[in-house]
């Protein structure tokens, strides 16, 4: 039941990932990258979509992958950091009296398998569902399909289904592992400040 809850929370956020892509698109694509183009024009070259449409399309695919990876980081952080069951487990086992190495030794044996299961399961419904979508979608359904499947398409359109799935799984799994360590500090701080 614990793992199923983790999968369902992550799937729910995954549905809104297309909308969440606007955050890194604005921060990275709208603010950071143009600044880097101005400061380091030899490294971050501005690509003209009219003169170089192929190179511009490739650049857009790469930027969309970067935006999508940042969204996976955001979703993973929210799911791990605010997972009350994980915090309660750590507090119950340690009373909040742990240094990070000892906390990690308690935390990871219990949650690595759960995080891997989440990483494997979350993108599957959209990947499988997108295989059965017809080539032509009625115009009134197109925005709904883009909203539901758009985020997954970022990976599959760029890398293909198999490699796209593997990249999604790896990104979710590694980000959940990393945010496990940062959450250990936060949970300990929350618990000790309430004592």
Protein backbone atom coordinates (compact mmCIF):
# COMPACT_ATOMS: atom_id res chain seq x y z
CA UNK A 1 0.00 0.00 0.00
CA UNK A 2 2.88 2.35 0.84
CA UNK A 3 4.46 1.92 -2.59
CA UNK A 4 1.12 2.24 -4.37
CA UNK A 5 0.52 5.58 -2.64
CA UNK A 6 3.93 6.80 -3.81
CA UNK A 7 3.16 5.72 -7.38
CA UNK A 8 -0.26 7.40 -7.37
CA UNK A 9 1.06 10.71 -5.99
CA UNK A 10 3.81 10.80 -8.59
CA UNK A 11 1.38 9.88 -11.40
CA UNK A 12 -0.94 12.68 -10.33
CA UNK A 13 1.87 15.22 -10.49
CA UNK A 14 3.04 13.66 -13.77
CA UNK A 15 -0.33 14.57 -15.31
CA UNK A 16 0.38 18.23 -14.57
CA UNK A 17 3.99 18.06 -15.77
CA UNK A 18 3.11 19.68 -19.12
CA UNK A 19 1.82 22.67 -17.19
CA UNK A 20 4.81 22.65 -14.81
CA UNK A 21 7.16 22.86 -17.82
CA UNK A 22 6.27 26.55 -17.99
CA UNK A 23 8.35 27.18 -14.86
CA UNK A 24 11.75 26.03 -16.21
CA UNK A 25 10.78 27.27 -19.68
CA UNK A 26 10.48 30.78 -18.24
CA UNK A 27 13.46 30.60 -15.86
CA UNK A 28 15.92 28.76 -18.11
CA UNK A 29 14.60 29.52 -21.59
CA UNK A 30 13.35 33.03 -20.96
CA UNK A 31 15.88 34.43 -18.48
CA UNK A 32 18.98 32.29 -18.01
CA UNK A 33 19.74 31.14 -21.56
CA UNK A 34 19.30 34.59 -23.19
CA UNK A 35 21.61 36.03 -20.52
CA UNK A 36 24.20 33.34 -21.24
CA UNK A 37 23.90 34.09 -24.97
CA UNK A 38 24.68 37.71 -24.21
CA UNK A 39 27.53 37.05 -21.76
CA UNK A 40 29.16 34.10 -23.57
CA UNK A 41 28.21 34.45 -27.25
CA UNK A 42 30.83 31.95 -28.44
CA UNK A 43 29.57 29.18 -26.17
CA UNK A 44 25.82 29.92 -26.18
CA UNK A 45 25.15 30.82 -29.79
CA UNK A 46 21.86 32.41 -30.76
CA UNK A 47 20.25 30.32 -33.49
CA UNK A 48 18.09 32.02 -36.06
CA UNK A 49 14.99 29.90 -36.81
CA UNK A 50 14.67 31.33 -40.33
CA UNK A 51 18.28 30.90 -41.45
CA UNK A 52 18.91 27.60 -39.64
CA UNK A 53 15.55 25.83 -39.16
CA UNK A 54 17.09 22.36 -38.71
CA UNK A 55 19.60 23.52 -36.12
CA UNK A 56 16.91 25.57 -34.38
CA UNK A 57 14.58 22.54 -34.20
CA UNK A 58 17.42 20.46 -32.71
CA UNK A 59 18.14 23.22 -30.20
CA UNK A 60 14.44 23.32 -29.21
CA UNK A 61 14.40 19.54 -28.67
CA UNK A 62 17.45 19.75 -26.41
CA UNK A 63 16.01 22.68 -24.46
CA UNK A 64 12.70 20.85 -24.00
CA UNK A 65 14.62 17.86 -22.62
CA UNK A 66 16.40 20.17 -20.16
CA UNK A 67 13.05 21.71 -19.11
CA UNK A 68 11.53 18.25 -18.69
CA UNK A 69 14.43 17.03 -16.55
CA UNK A 70 13.98 20.05 -14.28
CA UNK A 71 10.27 19.21 -13.97
CA UNK A 72 11.18 15.65 -12.96
CA UNK A 73 13.45 17.13 -10.28
CA UNK A 74 10.62 19.35 -9.00
CA UNK A 75 8.10 16.51 -8.93
CA UNK A 76 10.53 14.12 -7.25
CA UNK A 77 11.40 16.69 -4.61
CA UNK A 78 7.74 17.30 -3.78
CA UNK A 79 6.97 13.57 -3.59
CA UNK A 80 9.93 12.66 -1.38
CA UNK A 81 10.28 15.72 0.83
CA UNK A 82 6.60 15.92 1.74
CA UNK A 83 6.03 12.18 2.14
CA UNK A 84 4.83 12.09 5.73
CA UNK A 85 5.21 8.30 5.98
CA UNK A 86 8.94 8.56 5.25
CA UNK A 87 9.41 11.26 7.84
CA UNK A 88 7.47 9.35 10.47
CA UNK A 89 9.44 6.19 9.74
CA UNK A 90 12.74 8.02 10.24
CA UNK A 91 11.55 9.69 13.43
CA UNK A 92 10.15 6.43 14.81
CA UNK A 93 13.41 4.61 14.11
CA UNK A 94 15.85 7.31 15.21
CA UNK A 95 13.98 9.95 17.27
CA UNK A 96 15.66 12.44 14.92
CA UNK A 97 19.03 11.79 16.56
CA UNK A 98 21.10 10.86 13.55
CA UNK A 99 23.88 12.22 11.44
CA UNK A 100 23.34 11.88 7.70
CA UNK A 101 25.39 8.67 7.27
CA UNK A 102 23.43 6.90 10.03
CA UNK A 103 20.14 8.29 8.75
CA UNK A 104 20.95 7.14 5.21
CA UNK A 105 21.75 3.66 6.54
CA UNK A 106 18.22 3.49 7.99
CA UNK A 107 16.45 5.26 5.12
CA UNK A 108 17.83 3.71 1.93
CA UNK A 109 17.33 0.00 2.66
CA UNK A 110 13.62 0.70 3.14
CA UNK A 111 13.01 3.09 0.25
CA UNK A 112 15.33 2.22 -2.66
CA UNK A 113 13.01 -0.53 -3.93
CA UNK A 114 9.98 1.76 -3.53
CA UNK A 115 11.72 4.55 -5.46
CA UNK A 116 12.70 2.15 -8.25
CA UNK A 117 9.13 0.86 -8.45
CA UNK A 118 7.83 4.43 -8.70
CA UNK A 119 10.38 5.24 -11.42
CA UNK A 120 9.41 2.16 -13.44
CA UNK A 121 5.64 2.56 -13.04
CA UNK A 122 4.97 6.29 -13.39
CA UNK A 123 5.65 6.82 -17.12
CA UNK A 124 4.15 3.48 -18.24
CA UNK A 125 0.44 4.45 -18.52
CA UNK A 126 1.22 7.43 -20.73
CA UNK A 127 3.74 5.54 -22.84
CA UNK A 128 1.35 2.64 -23.39
CA UNK A 129 -1.62 4.96 -23.90
CA UNK A 130 0.26 7.03 -26.48
CA UNK A 131 0.91 3.88 -28.54
CA UNK A 132 -2.84 3.43 -29.01
CA UNK A 133 -3.65 7.03 -29.95
CA UNK A 134 -4.80 7.41 -33.56
CA UNK A 135 -2.62 9.31 -36.04
CA UNK A 136 -5.23 12.00 -36.49
CA UNK A 137 -6.97 13.44 -33.46
CA UNK A 138 -10.05 15.68 -33.72
CA UNK A 139 -9.19 19.35 -33.17
CA UNK A 140 -11.31 19.63 -30.04
CA UNK A 141 -9.38 16.74 -28.41
CA UNK A 142 -5.90 17.93 -29.39
CA UNK A 143 -5.39 20.27 -26.37
CA UNK A 144 -6.44 17.52 -23.95
CA UNK A 145 -4.12 14.97 -25.57
CA UNK A 146 -1.26 17.48 -25.56
CA UNK A 147 -1.88 18.25 -21.89
CA UNK A 148 -1.96 14.57 -20.86
CA UNK A 149 0.75 13.16 -23.14
CA UNK A 150 2.84 16.23 -23.99
CA UNK A 151 5.38 15.81 -21.23
CA UNK A 152 6.07 12.17 -22.10
CA UNK A 153 6.31 13.10 -25.79
CA UNK A 154 9.28 15.34 -24.97
CA UNK A 155 11.27 12.19 -24.25
CA UNK A 156 9.76 9.80 -26.79
CA UNK A 157 9.87 12.24 -29.72
CA UNK A 158 13.53 12.99 -29.05
CA UNK A 159 14.87 9.60 -27.96
CA UNK A 160 12.29 7.03 -29.08
CA UNK A 161 10.07 4.94 -26.83
CA UNK A 162 12.63 2.58 -25.30
CA UNK A 163 15.45 5.04 -24.70
CA UNK A 164 12.96 7.74 -23.68
CA UNK A 165 11.43 5.40 -21.11
CA UNK A 166 14.87 4.48 -19.76
CA UNK A 167 15.89 8.13 -19.44
CA UNK A 168 12.65 8.94 -17.60
CA UNK A 169 13.14 5.99 -15.24
CA UNK A 170 16.76 6.90 -14.56
CA UNK A 171 15.93 10.58 -13.98
CA UNK A 172 13.09 9.78 -11.56
CA UNK A 173 15.05 7.13 -9.68
CA UNK A 174 18.25 9.18 -9.27
CA UNK A 175 16.38 12.34 -8.31
CA UNK A 176 14.35 10.48 -5.69
CA UNK A 177 17.55 9.00 -4.25
CA UNK A 178 19.20 12.43 -4.12
CA UNK A 179 16.21 14.11 -2.52
CA UNK A 180 16.09 11.32 0.04
CA UNK A 181 19.39 12.57 1.46
CA UNK A 182 18.29 16.23 1.49
CA UNK A 183 14.97 15.27 3.06
CA UNK A 184 16.75 13.47 5.88
CA UNK A 185 18.21 16.80 6.99
CA UNK A 186 14.87 18.56 6.70
CA UNK A 187 12.95 15.90 8.60
CA UNK A 188 15.52 15.88 11.39
CA UNK A 189 15.36 19.67 11.62
CA UNK A 190 11.54 19.68 11.73
CA UNK A 191 11.44 17.02 14.42
CA UNK A 192 14.15 18.52 16.64
CA UNK A 193 12.65 22.01 16.42
CA UNK A 194 9.31 20.66 17.71
CA UNK A 195 10.79 18.88 20.73
